[in-house]
Protein backbone atom coordinates (compact mmCIF):
# COMPACT_ATOMS: atom_id res chain seq x y z
CA MET A 1 102.72 73.98 144.48
CA SER A 2 104.23 70.51 144.84
CA ALA A 3 105.83 71.80 148.17
CA ILE A 4 102.48 72.55 149.38
CA ILE A 5 100.96 69.13 148.33
CA THR A 6 103.86 67.39 150.08
CA ILE A 7 103.23 69.35 153.36
CA ILE A 8 99.59 68.55 153.11
CA SER A 9 100.15 64.94 152.53
CA VAL A 10 102.67 64.48 155.31
CA ALA A 11 100.40 66.35 157.78
CA PHE A 12 97.51 63.97 156.88
CA GLN A 13 99.88 60.84 157.29
CA ILE A 14 101.06 62.13 160.76
CA TYR A 15 97.65 62.74 161.90
CA GLU A 16 96.41 59.34 160.61
CA PHE A 17 99.54 57.79 162.34
CA LEU A 18 98.71 59.34 165.66
CA ILE A 19 95.07 58.08 165.44
CA LEU A 20 96.72 54.72 164.83
CA ILE A 21 98.85 55.08 167.88
CA ARG A 22 95.86 56.06 169.95
CA VAL A 23 94.02 52.87 168.93
CA LEU A 24 97.12 50.71 169.90
CA LEU A 25 97.46 52.40 173.03
CA SER A 26 93.76 51.76 173.94
CA TRP A 27 94.48 48.01 174.07
CA VAL A 28 97.11 48.51 176.72
CA ASN A 29 96.75 49.75 180.26
CA ILE A 30 98.25 53.17 180.17
CA ASN A 31 98.19 56.16 182.53
CA PRO A 32 95.86 58.72 180.95
CA TYR A 33 97.68 61.50 182.88
CA HIS A 34 101.07 60.85 181.30
CA PRO A 35 102.01 64.18 179.47
CA VAL A 36 102.54 62.47 176.16
CA ILE A 37 99.21 60.46 176.27
CA ARG A 38 97.46 63.77 177.20
CA ILE A 39 98.81 65.49 174.22
CA LEU A 40 97.88 62.65 172.00
CA TYR A 41 94.30 62.76 173.23
CA GLN A 42 94.11 66.66 172.69
CA ILE A 43 95.45 66.30 169.21
CA THR A 44 93.15 63.48 168.09
CA ASP A 45 89.88 64.34 170.08
CA PRO A 46 88.67 67.01 167.74
CA VAL A 47 88.32 64.27 165.01
CA LEU A 48 87.23 61.34 167.19
CA GLU A 49 84.83 63.00 169.71
CA PRO A 50 82.23 64.27 167.10
CA LEU A 51 82.30 60.81 165.47
CA ARG A 52 81.71 59.01 168.85
CA ARG A 53 78.61 61.13 169.50
CA ILE A 54 77.39 60.01 166.16
CA ILE A 55 78.47 56.40 165.92
CA PRO A 56 77.68 54.17 168.91
CA PRO A 57 80.07 51.36 169.95
CA ILE A 58 79.32 48.15 168.40
CA GLY A 59 78.13 45.56 171.06
CA GLY A 60 78.49 48.20 173.69
CA MET A 61 82.32 47.81 173.54
CA ILE A 62 83.87 48.18 170.12
CA ASP A 63 84.60 51.66 168.93
CA ILE A 64 84.80 52.07 165.28
CA SER A 65 84.99 55.77 165.29
CA PRO A 66 88.82 55.75 164.61
CA ILE A 67 88.21 53.50 161.56
CA VAL A 68 85.51 56.05 160.21
CA ALA A 69 87.99 59.05 160.98
CA LEU A 70 90.72 57.22 159.09
CA ILE A 71 88.57 56.71 156.06
CA THR A 72 87.18 60.21 156.34
CA LEU A 73 90.60 61.80 156.52
CA GLU A 74 91.75 59.86 153.59
CA ILE A 75 88.86 60.81 151.39
CA ALA A 76 89.36 64.65 152.61
CA HIS A 77 93.20 64.23 151.77
CA ARG A 78 92.36 62.97 148.31
CA ILE A 79 89.86 65.60 147.58
CA LEU A 80 92.08 68.35 148.76
CA ILE A 81 95.07 67.06 146.71
CA SER A 82 92.92 66.73 143.51
CA VAL A 83 91.69 70.23 144.00
CA LEU A 84 95.24 71.56 144.35
CA VAL A 85 96.39 69.51 141.44
CA GLY A 86 93.71 71.02 139.44
CA LEU A 87 94.77 74.73 140.21
């Protein structure tokens, strides 16, 4: 069971890291058609896009959906791990 918990924890950490990379890259002028950037967007969009539809940008410019995504992912991670430990 501990191997499954470790795999799930690593998967959540990698996904959270990818969201952070996307946030950092949004501050830099990058080519959105670069294959690595497109893969990053394809991986993170399933979580970020629904949140963007719900949460409007603050002041029309500041997108807080990555922050909400990171908090939500961390909560889901903790709940999932606590359920698995309880089994």
